[in-house]
Amino acid sequence: MTKIVGEEPQAEAEIIRKRQRSRARITAWLLGAFVILMFFITIAKTAQNW
C-alpha cells in the first residue's frame, strides 16, 4: 500500500490540530494583553498632559 505524500493518519492530524489551536489561543492571549497594555499606557500619557 502506497502512502500519498501529505496524507497523514487521522490521529496525527488531530494532534497537529490540537497544537495549532493551543498556539492560536496563546497568541490571542498575548495579543490581547498587548492591546490592553497599550491602552493603559495611552491613558497614562494622556492624563499626564492635563
Protein backbone atom coordinates (compact mmCIF):
# COMPACT_ATOMS: atom_id res chain seq x y z
CA MET A 1 0.00 0.00 0.00
CA THR A 2 1.47 3.34 -1.02
CA LYS A 3 1.13 6.42 1.06
CA ILE A 4 0.20 9.63 -0.72
CA VAL A 5 2.55 12.47 0.12
CA GLY A 6 0.92 14.93 2.51
CA GLU A 7 -1.66 12.43 3.74
CA GLU A 8 -1.47 11.76 7.49
CA PRO A 9 -3.33 9.26 9.59
CA GLN A 10 -6.35 10.70 11.39
CA ALA A 11 -4.72 10.51 14.84
CA GLU A 12 -1.65 12.50 13.73
CA ALA A 13 -3.81 15.12 12.05
CA GLU A 14 -5.80 15.55 15.27
CA ILE A 15 -2.62 16.01 17.32
CA ILE A 16 -1.40 18.64 14.87
CA ARG A 17 -4.76 20.47 15.01
CA LYS A 18 -4.63 20.42 18.84
CA ARG A 19 -1.17 22.02 18.81
CA GLN A 20 -2.30 24.64 16.31
CA ARG A 21 -5.34 25.52 18.43
CA SER A 22 -3.15 25.74 21.52
CA ARG A 23 -0.68 28.05 19.78
CA ALA A 24 -3.51 30.17 18.39
CA ARG A 25 -5.01 30.53 21.87
CA ILE A 26 -1.66 31.61 23.36
CA THR A 27 -1.13 34.09 20.53
CA ALA A 28 -4.62 35.53 21.07
CA TRP A 29 -4.00 35.97 24.80
CA LEU A 30 -0.65 37.67 24.19
CA LEU A 31 -2.13 39.97 21.57
CA GLY A 32 -5.00 40.86 23.91
CA ALA A 33 -2.55 41.60 26.74
CA PHE A 34 -0.50 43.80 24.41
CA VAL A 35 -3.59 45.77 23.35
CA ILE A 36 -4.63 46.31 26.99
CA LEU A 37 -1.09 47.40 27.87
CA MET A 38 -1.05 49.91 25.01
CA PHE A 39 -4.46 51.19 26.14
CA PHE A 40 -3.26 51.84 29.70
CA ILE A 41 -0.02 53.45 28.50
CA THR A 42 -2.05 55.76 26.25
CA ILE A 43 -4.39 56.67 29.12
CA ALA A 44 -1.42 57.36 31.41
CA LYS A 45 0.32 59.57 28.83
CA THR A 46 -2.90 61.46 28.10
CA ALA A 47 -3.62 62.01 31.80
CA GLN A 48 -0.10 63.43 32.25
CA ASN A 49 -0.86 66.33 29.90
CA TRP A 50 -3.96 67.53 31.79
